[in-house]
């Protein structure tokens, strides 16, 4: 296994046990540049300041030969602004790099996979990002190579370039201008269900009813008509499921076991794997009638919570 040749940004908050495991994994591949961003504690959460301080202290355990830069927030910025601020800081110093939240544990082969594809597509304006997260079973794929292209950048272990991140904006009130109806139809895989799903998602984000940043990343890729190279084997494990999680409370049954990817990979055509995207739309995003009903119920609960 070769060492990781690209800078790695770790996004951390209040889970020192997860962060410790991720740092141990990074030690195996020894990236030469590590950035650690830790959001600040929430004032009303008992014990959170201590957990955040423990995460900060773990910077000293990054002890292989490398440079370490840190960004520690004194106040809590939250999922949307906190992550956006950290990634913007990272790309103010790096032209490209790998991004890992503290609950993501990649297979060691994930790192050279990212470096290989960051090299391969660095000057290809069609390519937005690289993802090591794969939910799709082999029988639901239309591609046979080591990776495929998707319209959606999955962010459980991903990499990208500064050029792509520069199109990300937390405020997407102008999303209909950035992604007109015809472009939205194409970006949704010419799927009525997909179009309805993304319309609903972008509207919730535009109204600041969900505190996140990744839906805005999807919009950035769709608006630019750029695609994400996605591993056809799953290279990452998400450790973060449970009641303490912000968004991933329940572990989906479709998650796949982690595998190593065989390197080097052969280039594949830069074209969307429509079968895999259709599976993702249906089973991961729930772009179905029952899925819309569940999304509507969550929206109503948020609205009622704001008025009580």
C-alpha atoms as a PDB file:
ATOM      1  CA  UNK A   1       0.000   0.000   0.000  1.00  0.00           C
ATOM      2  CA  UNK A   2       1.452   3.351  -1.009  1.00  0.00           C
ATOM      3  CA  UNK A   3       1.331   6.381   1.263  1.00  0.00           C
ATOM      4  CA  UNK A   4      -1.420   8.924   0.763  1.00  0.00           C
ATOM      5  CA  UNK A   5      -0.079  11.620  -1.534  1.00  0.00           C
ATOM      6  CA  UNK A   6      -2.834  14.170  -0.923  1.00  0.00           C
ATOM      7  CA  UNK A   7      -3.660  16.390   2.011  1.00  0.00           C
ATOM      8  CA  UNK A   8      -6.408  15.108   4.316  1.00  0.00           C
ATOM      9  CA  UNK A   9      -8.971  17.262   6.108  1.00  0.00           C
ATOM     10  CA  UNK A  10     -10.589  15.746   9.215  1.00  0.00           C
ATOM     11  CA  UNK A  11     -13.909  17.262  10.293  1.00  0.00           C
ATOM     12  CA  UNK A  12     -14.436  16.621  14.005  1.00  0.00           C
ATOM     13  CA  UNK A  13     -16.695  17.761  16.817  1.00  0.00           C
ATOM     14  CA  UNK A  14     -17.536  15.820  19.980  1.00  0.00           C
ATOM     15  CA  UNK A  15     -16.684  12.159  19.294  1.00  0.00           C
ATOM     16  CA  UNK A  16     -13.105  11.538  20.448  1.00  0.00           C
ATOM     17  CA  UNK A  17     -13.435   7.741  20.240  1.00  0.00           C
ATOM     18  CA  UNK A  18     -14.338   7.913  16.540  1.00  0.00           C
ATOM     19  CA  UNK A  19     -11.616  10.479  15.884  1.00  0.00           C
ATOM     20  CA  UNK A  20      -9.026   8.307  17.609  1.00  0.00           C
ATOM     21  CA  UNK A  21      -9.878   5.357  15.331  1.00  0.00           C
ATOM     22  CA  UNK A  22      -9.661   7.546  12.235  1.00  0.00           C
ATOM     23  CA  UNK A  23      -6.248   8.887  13.250  1.00  0.00           C
ATOM     24  CA  UNK A  24      -5.027   5.320  13.775  1.00  0.00           C
ATOM     25  CA  UNK A  25      -6.158   4.476  10.242  1.00  0.00           C
ATOM     26  CA  UNK A  26      -4.413   7.563   8.862  1.00  0.00           C
ATOM     27  CA  UNK A  27      -1.215   6.446  10.583  1.00  0.00           C
ATOM     28  CA  UNK A  28      -1.237   3.369   8.310  1.00  0.00           C
ATOM     29  CA  UNK A  29      -1.038   5.494   5.154  1.00  0.00           C
ATOM     30  CA  UNK A  30       0.853   8.466   6.662  1.00  0.00           C
ATOM     31  CA  UNK A  31      -0.412  11.448   4.654  1.00  0.00           C
ATOM     32  CA  UNK A  32       2.183  14.204   4.572  1.00  0.00           C
ATOM     33  CA  UNK A  33      -0.316  17.012   5.295  1.00  0.00           C
ATOM     34  CA  UNK A  34      -3.182  16.741   7.777  1.00  0.00           C
ATOM     35  CA  UNK A  35      -5.748  19.408   8.622  1.00  0.00           C
ATOM     36  CA  UNK A  36      -7.935  19.009  11.709  1.00  0.00           C
ATOM     37  CA  UNK A  37     -11.047  21.180  12.085  1.00  0.00           C
ATOM     38  CA  UNK A  38     -13.033  20.892  15.323  1.00  0.00           C
ATOM     39  CA  UNK A  39     -16.312  22.752  15.802  1.00  0.00           C
ATOM     40  CA  UNK A  40     -16.988  24.475  19.122  1.00  0.00           C
ATOM     41  CA  UNK A  41     -19.209  23.098  21.898  1.00  0.00           C
ATOM     42  CA  UNK A  42     -22.873  23.972  22.364  1.00  0.00           C
ATOM     43  CA  UNK A  43     -23.406  25.900  25.583  1.00  0.00           C
ATOM     44  CA  UNK A  44     -26.468  23.902  26.647  1.00  0.00           C
ATOM     45  CA  UNK A  45     -24.963  20.401  26.283  1.00  0.00           C
ATOM     46  CA  UNK A  46     -23.574  18.927  29.486  1.00  0.00           C
ATOM     47  CA  UNK A  47     -20.147  17.374  28.988  1.00  0.00           C
ATOM     48  CA  UNK A  48     -19.774  18.516  25.387  1.00  0.00           C
ATOM     49  CA  UNK A  49     -16.997  21.027  26.077  1.00  0.00           C
ATOM     50  CA  UNK A  50     -14.901  18.239  27.592  1.00  0.00           C
ATOM     51  CA  UNK A  51     -15.511  15.999  24.558  1.00  0.00           C
ATOM     52  CA  UNK A  52     -14.575  18.822  22.179  1.00  0.00           C
ATOM     53  CA  UNK A  53     -11.401  19.561  24.144  1.00  0.00           C
ATOM     54  CA  UNK A  54     -10.486  15.868  23.994  1.00  0.00           C
ATOM     55  CA  UNK A  55     -10.860  15.968  20.203  1.00  0.00           C
ATOM     56  CA  UNK A  56      -8.605  19.024  20.032  1.00  0.00           C
ATOM     57  CA  UNK A  57      -5.986  17.285  22.166  1.00  0.00           C
ATOM     58  CA  UNK A  58      -5.897  14.354  19.740  1.00  0.00           C
ATOM     59  CA  UNK A  59      -4.041  16.596  17.281  1.00  0.00           C
ATOM     60  CA  UNK A  60      -0.910  15.678  19.244  1.00  0.00           C
ATOM     61  CA  UNK A  61      -1.435  11.995  18.374  1.00  0.00           C
ATOM     62  CA  UNK A  62      -0.846  12.776  14.683  1.00  0.00           C
ATOM     63  CA  UNK A  63       2.800  11.950  15.229  1.00  0.00           C
ATOM     64  CA  UNK A  64       4.089  10.471  11.961  1.00  0.00           C
ATOM     65  CA  UNK A  65       6.297  12.736   9.811  1.00  0.00           C
ATOM     66  CA  UNK A  66       3.776  15.251   8.478  1.00  0.00           C
ATOM     67  CA  UNK A  67       2.589  18.822   8.803  1.00  0.00           C
ATOM     68  CA  UNK A  68      -0.503  19.379  10.962  1.00  0.00           C
ATOM     69  CA  UNK A  69      -2.713  22.457  10.796  1.00  0.00           C
ATOM     70  CA  UNK A  70      -5.691  23.010  13.064  1.00  0.00           C
ATOM     71  CA  UNK A  71      -8.840  25.130  13.065  1.00  0.00           C
ATOM     72  CA  UNK A  72     -10.585  25.108  16.454  1.00  0.00           C
ATOM     73  CA  UNK A  73     -13.851  27.028  16.766  1.00  0.00           C
ATOM     74  CA  UNK A  74     -14.584  28.632  20.137  1.00  0.00           C
ATOM     75  CA  UNK A  75     -18.341  28.684  19.518  1.00  0.00           C
ATOM     76  CA  UNK A  76     -20.516  26.092  17.830  1.00  0.00           C
ATOM     77  CA  UNK A  77     -21.097  26.881  14.158  1.00  0.00           C
ATOM     78  CA  UNK A  78     -23.291  23.860  13.452  1.00  0.00           C
ATOM     79  CA  UNK A  79     -23.387  21.331  10.629  1.00  0.00           C
ATOM     80  CA  UNK A  80     -23.883  23.803   7.803  1.00  0.00           C
ATOM     81  CA  UNK A  81     -21.618  26.733   8.606  1.00  0.00           C
ATOM     82  CA  UNK A  82     -19.117  24.677  10.592  1.00  0.00           C
ATOM     83  CA  UNK A  83     -18.322  22.207   7.818  1.00  0.00           C
ATOM     84  CA  UNK A  84     -18.453  24.875   5.111  1.00  0.00           C
ATOM     85  CA  UNK A  85     -16.010  27.068   7.038  1.00  0.00           C
ATOM     86  CA  UNK A  86     -13.625  24.151   7.552  1.00  0.00           C
ATOM     87  CA  UNK A  87     -13.609  23.020   3.914  1.00  0.00           C
ATOM     88  CA  UNK A  88     -13.177  26.600   2.680  1.00  0.00           C
ATOM     89  CA  UNK A  89     -10.200  26.959   5.049  1.00  0.00           C
ATOM     90  CA  UNK A  90      -8.747  23.692   3.703  1.00  0.00           C
ATOM     91  CA  UNK A  91      -9.021  24.786   0.081  1.00  0.00           C
ATOM     92  CA  UNK A  92      -7.536  28.190   0.849  1.00  0.00           C
ATOM     93  CA  UNK A  93      -4.336  26.207   1.453  1.00  0.00           C
ATOM     94  CA  UNK A  94      -4.668  23.235  -0.909  1.00  0.00           C
ATOM     95  CA  UNK A  95      -5.572  22.884  -4.589  1.00  0.00           C
ATOM     96  CA  UNK A  96      -7.099  19.475  -3.954  1.00  0.00           C
ATOM     97  CA  UNK A  97      -7.518  16.989  -1.156  1.00  0.00           C
ATOM     98  CA  UNK A  98      -9.377  14.273   0.740  1.00  0.00           C
ATOM     99  CA  UNK A  99     -12.167  15.078   3.214  1.00  0.00           C
ATOM    100  CA  UNK A 100     -13.220  12.795   6.069  1.00  0.00           C
ATOM    101  CA  UNK A 101     -15.714  13.342   8.842  1.00  0.00           C
ATOM    102  CA  UNK A 102     -14.579  11.887  12.148  1.00  0.00           C
ATOM    103  CA  UNK A 103     -17.016   8.951  12.009  1.00  0.00           C
ATOM    104  CA  UNK A 104     -15.780   7.702   8.625  1.00  0.00           C
ATOM    105  CA  UNK A 105     -13.260   4.851   8.674  1.00  0.00           C
ATOM    106  CA  UNK A 106     -11.834   4.223   5.186  1.00  0.00           C
ATOM    107  CA  UNK A 107     -10.101   1.125   3.918  1.00  0.00           C
ATOM    108  CA  UNK A 108      -6.403   1.955   3.380  1.00  0.00           C
ATOM    109  CA  UNK A 109      -6.884   1.567  -0.399  1.00  0.00           C
ATOM    110  CA  UNK A 110      -9.283   4.530  -0.347  1.00  0.00           C
ATOM    111  CA  UNK A 111      -6.402   7.000  -0.139  1.00  0.00           C
ATOM    112  CA  UNK A 112      -4.373   5.958  -3.218  1.00  0.00           C
ATOM    113  CA  UNK A 113      -7.688   5.521  -5.084  1.00  0.00           C
ATOM    114  CA  UNK A 114      -8.466   9.179  -4.421  1.00  0.00           C
ATOM    115  CA  UNK A 115      -4.962  10.283  -5.404  1.00  0.00           C
ATOM    116  CA  UNK A 116      -5.103   8.275  -8.631  1.00  0.00           C
ATOM    117  CA  UNK A 117      -8.412   9.811  -9.701  1.00  0.00           C
ATOM    118  CA  UNK A 118      -7.510  13.314  -8.518  1.00  0.00           C
ATOM    119  CA  UNK A 119      -4.528  13.042 -10.869  1.00  0.00           C
ATOM    120  CA  UNK A 120      -6.542  11.503 -13.703  1.00  0.00           C
ATOM    121  CA  UNK A 121      -9.354  14.063 -13.756  1.00  0.00           C
ATOM    122  CA  UNK A 122      -7.606  17.162 -12.432  1.00  0.00           C
ATOM    123  CA  UNK A 123      -8.036  19.028 -15.710  1.00  0.00           C
ATOM    124  CA  UNK A 124     -11.320  17.402 -16.755  1.00  0.00           C
ATOM    125  CA  UNK A 125     -14.112  19.937 -16.266  1.00  0.00           C
ATOM    126  CA  UNK A 126     -16.723  17.159 -16.462  1.00  0.00           C
ATOM    127  CA  UNK A 127     -15.625  15.684 -13.126  1.00  0.00           C
ATOM    128  CA  UNK A 128     -16.704  17.279  -9.848  1.00  0.00           C
ATOM    129  CA  UNK A 129     -15.422  14.942  -7.124  1.00  0.00           C
ATOM    130  CA  UNK A 130     -14.353  11.414  -6.150  1.00  0.00           C
ATOM    131  CA  UNK A 131     -16.266   9.254  -3.659  1.00  0.00           C
ATOM    132  CA  UNK A 132     -15.274   6.063  -1.870  1.00  0.00           C
ATOM    133  CA  UNK A 133     -18.774   5.346  -0.609  1.00  0.00           C
ATOM    134  CA  UNK A 134     -20.836   2.802  -2.543  1.00  0.00           C
ATOM    135  CA  UNK A 135     -24.290   1.565  -1.566  1.00  0.00           C
ATOM    136  CA  UNK A 136     -25.246  -0.022  -4.882  1.00  0.00           C
ATOM    137  CA  UNK A 137     -25.109  -3.836  -5.253  1.00  0.00           C
ATOM    138  CA  UNK A 138     -23.229  -5.159  -8.323  1.00  0.00           C
ATOM    139  CA  UNK A 139     -26.395  -6.482  -9.967  1.00  0.00           C
ATOM    140  CA  UNK A 140     -27.893  -2.971  -9.945  1.00  0.00           C
ATOM    141  CA  UNK A 141     -24.951  -1.383 -11.773  1.00  0.00           C
ATOM    142  CA  UNK A 142     -24.631  -0.791 -15.462  1.00  0.00           C
ATOM    143  CA  UNK A 143     -20.845  -0.367 -15.303  1.00  0.00           C
ATOM    144  CA  UNK A 144     -18.227  -3.093 -14.998  1.00  0.00           C
ATOM    145  CA  UNK A 145     -15.085  -1.091 -14.171  1.00  0.00           C
ATOM    146  CA  UNK A 146     -13.573  -0.228 -10.805  1.00  0.00           C
ATOM    147  CA  UNK A 147     -15.638   2.934 -10.592  1.00  0.00           C
ATOM    148  CA  UNK A 148     -18.537   4.704 -12.256  1.00  0.00           C
ATOM    149  CA  UNK A 149     -19.895   8.221 -12.613  1.00  0.00           C
ATOM    150  CA  UNK A 150     -22.851   9.537 -10.645  1.00  0.00           C
ATOM    151  CA  UNK A 151     -24.724  12.831 -10.575  1.00  0.00           C
ATOM    152  CA  UNK A 152     -24.546  12.849  -6.767  1.00  0.00           C
ATOM    153  CA  UNK A 153     -21.346  13.344  -4.732  1.00  0.00           C
ATOM    154  CA  UNK A 154     -21.627  10.997  -1.741  1.00  0.00           C
ATOM    155  CA  UNK A 155     -19.626  12.523   1.105  1.00  0.00           C
ATOM    156  CA  UNK A 156     -18.845   9.545   3.352  1.00  0.00           C
ATOM    157  CA  UNK A 157     -15.192   9.688   2.361  1.00  0.00           C
ATOM    158  CA  UNK A 158     -14.604  11.901  -0.657  1.00  0.00           C
ATOM    159  CA  UNK A 159     -12.077  14.062  -2.438  1.00  0.00           C
ATOM    160  CA  UNK A 160     -12.244  17.049  -4.734  1.00  0.00           C
ATOM    161  CA  UNK A 161     -10.454  20.072  -6.099  1.00  0.00           C
ATOM    162  CA  UNK A 162     -10.562  23.736  -5.121  1.00  0.00           C
ATOM    163  CA  UNK A 163     -12.138  24.424  -8.522  1.00  0.00           C
ATOM    164  CA  UNK A 164     -15.186  22.349  -7.538  1.00  0.00           C
ATOM    165  CA  UNK A 165     -15.552  23.649  -3.987  1.00  0.00           C
ATOM    166  CA  UNK A 166     -15.543  27.244  -5.232  1.00  0.00           C
ATOM    167  CA  UNK A 167     -19.025  26.672  -6.678  1.00  0.00           C
ATOM    168  CA  UNK A 168     -20.445  25.611  -3.284  1.00  0.00           C
ATOM    169  CA  UNK A 169     -22.657  28.135  -1.493  1.00  0.00           C
ATOM    170  CA  UNK A 170     -24.431  27.615   1.812  1.00  0.00           C
ATOM    171  CA  UNK A 171     -27.203  30.038   0.848  1.00  0.00           C
ATOM    172  CA  UNK A 172     -29.107  28.587  -2.113  1.00  0.00           C
ATOM    173  CA  UNK A 173     -32.145  30.864  -2.223  1.00  0.00           C
ATOM    174  CA  UNK A 174     -31.278  31.339  -5.911  1.00  0.00           C
ATOM    175  CA  UNK A 175     -31.249  27.608  -6.630  1.00  0.00           C
ATOM    176  CA  UNK A 176     -33.977  27.802  -9.289  1.00  0.00           C
ATOM    177  CA  UNK A 177     -31.865  30.318 -11.200  1.00  0.00           C
ATOM    178  CA  UNK A 178     -28.755  28.177 -10.880  1.00  0.00           C
ATOM    179  CA  UNK A 179     -30.616  24.996 -11.872  1.00  0.00           C
ATOM    180  CA  UNK A 180     -33.476  25.861 -14.259  1.00  0.00           C
ATOM    181  CA  UNK A 181     -36.299  23.392 -14.842  1.00  0.00           C
ATOM    182  CA  UNK A 182     -34.798  21.693 -17.899  1.00  0.00           C
ATOM    183  CA  UNK A 183     -31.406  21.321 -16.193  1.00  0.00           C
ATOM    184  CA  UNK A 184     -33.081  19.951 -13.047  1.00  0.00           C
ATOM    185  CA  UNK A 185     -34.919  17.377 -15.172  1.00  0.00           C
ATOM    186  CA  UNK A 186     -31.640  16.208 -16.701  1.00  0.00           C
ATOM    187  CA  UNK A 187     -29.803  16.250 -13.353  1.00  0.00           C
ATOM    188  CA  UNK A 188     -32.592  14.160 -11.792  1.00  0.00           C
ATOM    189  CA  UNK A 189     -32.041  11.402 -14.353  1.00  0.00           C
ATOM    190  CA  UNK A 190     -35.214  12.410 -16.227  1.00  0.00           C
ATOM    191  CA  UNK A 191     -37.138  10.956 -13.321  1.00  0.00           C
ATOM    192  CA  UNK A 192     -40.326  12.578 -12.039  1.00  0.00           C
ATOM    193  CA  UNK A 193     -39.660  11.106  -8.592  1.00  0.00           C
ATOM    194  CA  UNK A 194     -36.064  12.315  -8.653  1.00  0.00           C
ATOM    195  CA  UNK A 195     -37.088  15.778  -9.768  1.00  0.00           C
ATOM    196  CA  UNK A 196     -39.677  16.009  -6.988  1.00  0.00           C
ATOM    197  CA  UNK A 197     -37.142  14.798  -4.428  1.00  0.00           C
ATOM    198  CA  UNK A 198     -34.482  17.348  -5.331  1.00  0.00           C
ATOM    199  CA  UNK A 199     -37.008  20.175  -5.640  1.00  0.00           C
ATOM    200  CA  UNK A 200     -38.213  19.419  -2.116  1.00  0.00           C
ATOM    201  CA  UNK A 201     -34.664  19.085  -0.780  1.00  0.00           C
ATOM    202  CA  UNK A 202     -33.391  22.313  -2.313  1.00  0.00           C
ATOM    203  CA  UNK A 203     -36.465  24.205  -1.119  1.00  0.00           C
ATOM    204  CA  UNK A 204     -35.929  23.032   2.466  1.00  0.00           C
ATOM    205  CA  UNK A 205     -32.314  24.159   2.279  1.00  0.00           C
ATOM    206  CA  UNK A 206     -33.200  27.482   0.666  1.00  0.00           C
ATOM    207  CA  UNK A 207     -35.601  28.167   3.562  1.00  0.00           C
ATOM    208  CA  UNK A 208     -32.935  27.228   6.138  1.00  0.00           C
ATOM    209  CA  UNK A 209     -35.105  24.441   7.527  1.00  0.00           C
ATOM    210  CA  UNK A 210     -32.253  21.924   7.570  1.00  0.00           C
ATOM    211  CA  UNK A 211     -28.822  22.736   8.991  1.00  0.00           C
ATOM    212  CA  UNK A 212     -26.475  21.019   6.577  1.00  0.00           C
ATOM    213  CA  UNK A 213     -24.046  21.628   3.735  1.00  0.00           C
ATOM    214  CA  UNK A 214     -24.100  18.496   1.579  1.00  0.00           C
ATOM    215  CA  UNK A 215     -27.357  19.198  -0.266  1.00  0.00           C
ATOM    216  CA  UNK A 216     -25.774  22.450  -1.379  1.00  0.00           C
ATOM    217  CA  UNK A 217     -22.824  20.417  -2.658  1.00  0.00           C
ATOM    218  CA  UNK A 218     -25.203  18.305  -4.753  1.00  0.00           C
ATOM    219  CA  UNK A 219     -26.679  21.499  -6.198  1.00  0.00           C
ATOM    220  CA  UNK A 220     -23.218  22.822  -7.064  1.00  0.00           C
ATOM    221  CA  UNK A 221     -22.396  19.680  -9.044  1.00  0.00           C
ATOM    222  CA  UNK A 222     -25.775  19.552 -10.768  1.00  0.00           C
ATOM    223  CA  UNK A 223     -25.716  23.248 -11.690  1.00  0.00           C
ATOM    224  CA  UNK A 224     -22.280  22.819 -13.273  1.00  0.00           C
ATOM    225  CA  UNK A 225     -23.345  19.553 -14.981  1.00  0.00           C
ATOM    226  CA  UNK A 226     -20.362  17.850 -13.369  1.00  0.00           C
ATOM    227  CA  UNK A 227     -20.238  14.274 -12.116  1.00  0.00           C
ATOM    228  CA  UNK A 228     -18.623  12.288  -9.329  1.00  0.00           C
ATOM    229  CA  UNK A 229     -16.342   9.302  -9.878  1.00  0.00           C
ATOM    230  CA  UNK A 230     -17.651   6.710  -7.413  1.00  0.00           C
ATOM    231  CA  UNK A 231     -15.961   3.466  -6.387  1.00  0.00           C
ATOM    232  CA  UNK A 232     -17.882   0.335  -7.390  1.00  0.00           C
ATOM    233  CA  UNK A 233     -16.821  -1.338  -4.141  1.00  0.00           C
ATOM    234  CA  UNK A 234     -17.509   0.259  -0.789  1.00  0.00           C
ATOM    235  CA  UNK A 235     -14.311   1.718   0.650  1.00  0.00           C
ATOM    236  CA  UNK A 236     -15.669   3.280   3.845  1.00  0.00           C
ATOM    237  CA  UNK A 237     -17.418   2.367   7.075  1.00  0.00           C
ATOM    238  CA  UNK A 238     -19.618   4.893   8.853  1.00  0.00           C
ATOM    239  CA  UNK A 239     -19.193   4.550  12.614  1.00  0.00           C
ATOM    240  CA  UNK A 240     -21.642   7.293  13.432  1.00  0.00           C
ATOM    241  CA  UNK A 241     -25.045   5.629  13.536  1.00  0.00           C
ATOM    242  CA  UNK A 242     -26.978   5.942  16.779  1.00  0.00           C
ATOM    243  CA  UNK A 243     -29.034   8.263  18.941  1.00  0.00           C
ATOM    244  CA  UNK A 244     -26.150  10.732  19.324  1.00  0.00           C
ATOM    245  CA  UNK A 245     -25.857  11.269  15.564  1.00  0.00           C
ATOM    246  CA  UNK A 246     -27.054  14.483  13.943  1.00  0.00           C
ATOM    247  CA  UNK A 247     -28.597  12.959  10.815  1.00  0.00           C
ATOM    248  CA  UNK A 248     -27.649   9.246  10.661  1.00  0.00           C
ATOM    249  CA  UNK A 249     -29.669   7.867  13.574  1.00  0.00           C
ATOM    250  CA  UNK A 250     -30.715   4.566  11.989  1.00  0.00           C
ATOM    251  CA  UNK A 251     -28.317   2.346  10.033  1.00  0.00           C
ATOM    252  CA  UNK A 252     -29.788   1.531   6.589  1.00  0.00           C
ATOM    253  CA  UNK A 253     -29.999  -2.149   5.758  1.00  0.00           C
ATOM    254  CA  UNK A 254     -28.517  -1.672   2.288  1.00  0.00           C
ATOM    255  CA  UNK A 255     -25.048  -0.569   3.469  1.00  0.00           C
ATOM    256  CA  UNK A 256     -22.318  -2.752   2.002  1.00  0.00           C
ATOM    257  CA  UNK A 257     -19.286  -4.306   3.659  1.00  0.00           C
ATOM    258  CA  UNK A 258     -15.965  -2.530   3.227  1.00  0.00           C
ATOM    259  CA  UNK A 259     -13.617  -3.938   0.582  1.00  0.00           C
ATOM    260  CA  UNK A 260     -10.232  -2.955  -0.763  1.00  0.00           C
ATOM    261  CA  UNK A 261     -10.103  -1.704  -4.337  1.00  0.00           C
ATOM    262  CA  UNK A 262      -7.579  -3.149  -6.759  1.00  0.00           C
ATOM    263  CA  UNK A 263      -5.111  -0.516  -7.955  1.00  0.00           C
ATOM    264  CA  UNK A 264      -4.215   0.919 -10.331  1.00  0.00           C
ATOM    265  CA  UNK A 265      -7.625   1.248 -11.937  1.00  0.00           C
ATOM    266  CA  UNK A 266      -8.291   1.419 -15.651  1.00  0.00           C
ATOM    267  CA  UNK A 267     -10.005   4.596 -16.896  1.00  0.00           C
ATOM    268  CA  UNK A 268     -13.725   4.244 -17.593  1.00  0.00           C
ATOM    269  CA  UNK A 269     -15.909   6.307 -19.946  1.00  0.00           C
ATOM    270  CA  UNK A 270     -17.044   9.600 -18.408  1.00  0.00           C
ATOM    271  CA  UNK A 271     -20.750   8.845 -18.576  1.00  0.00           C
ATOM    272  CA  UNK A 272     -23.455   8.363 -15.968  1.00  0.00           C
ATOM    273  CA  UNK A 273     -24.273   4.849 -14.807  1.00  0.00           C
ATOM    274  CA  UNK A 274     -28.028   5.369 -15.108  1.00  0.00           C
ATOM    275  CA  UNK A 275     -28.904   2.018 -13.526  1.00  0.00           C
ATOM    276  CA  UNK A 276     -26.826   2.719 -10.422  1.00  0.00           C
ATOM    277  CA  UNK A 277     -28.192   6.254 -10.112  1.00  0.00           C
ATOM    278  CA  UNK A 278     -31.751   4.917 -10.418  1.00  0.00           C
ATOM    279  CA  UNK A 279     -31.084   2.424  -7.603  1.00  0.00           C
ATOM    280  CA  UNK A 280     -29.609   5.188  -5.443  1.00  0.00           C
ATOM    281  CA  UNK A 281     -32.582   7.420  -6.152  1.00  0.00           C
ATOM    282  CA  UNK A 282     -35.059   4.735  -5.129  1.00  0.00           C
ATOM    283  CA  UNK A 283     -33.380   3.000  -2.204  1.00  0.00           C
ATOM    284  CA  UNK A 284     -30.989   5.557  -0.717  1.00  0.00           C
ATOM    285  CA  UNK A 285     -32.874   8.813  -1.229  1.00  0.00           C
ATOM    286  CA  UNK A 286     -36.318   7.218  -1.091  1.00  0.00           C
ATOM    287  CA  UNK A 287     -37.536   9.048  -4.190  1.00  0.00           C
ATOM    288  CA  UNK A 288     -40.817   7.093  -4.166  1.00  0.00           C
ATOM    289  CA  UNK A 289     -44.368   7.824  -3.028  1.00  0.00           C
ATOM    290  CA  UNK A 290     -43.718   6.372   0.488  1.00  0.00           C
ATOM    291  CA  UNK A 291     -40.441   8.281   0.575  1.00  0.00           C
ATOM    292  CA  UNK A 292     -42.179  11.563  -0.221  1.00  0.00           C
ATOM    293  CA  UNK A 293     -44.772  10.846   2.474  1.00  0.00           C
ATOM    294  CA  UNK A 294     -42.012  10.348   5.043  1.00  0.00           C
ATOM    295  CA  UNK A 295     -40.232  13.498   3.913  1.00  0.00           C
ATOM    296  CA  UNK A 296     -43.495  15.432   4.179  1.00  0.00           C
ATOM    297  CA  UNK A 297     -44.038  14.134   7.704  1.00  0.00           C
ATOM    298  CA  UNK A 298     -40.549  15.265   8.723  1.00  0.00           C
ATOM    299  CA  UNK A 299     -41.223  18.698   7.222  1.00  0.00           C
ATOM    300  CA  UNK A 300     -44.483  19.047   9.162  1.00  0.00           C
ATOM    301  CA  UNK A 301     -42.775  18.040  12.405  1.00  0.00           C
ATOM    302  CA  UNK A 302     -40.145  20.732  11.855  1.00  0.00           C
ATOM    303  CA  UNK A 303     -42.804  23.349  11.080  1.00  0.00           C
ATOM    304  CA  UNK A 304     -44.886  22.412  14.124  1.00  0.00           C
ATOM    305  CA  UNK A 305     -41.792  22.496  16.286  1.00  0.00           C
ATOM    306  CA  UNK A 306     -41.088  26.063  15.205  1.00  0.00           C
ATOM    307  CA  UNK A 307     -44.605  27.259  16.045  1.00  0.00           C
ATOM    308  CA  UNK A 308     -44.874  25.696  19.492  1.00  0.00           C
END
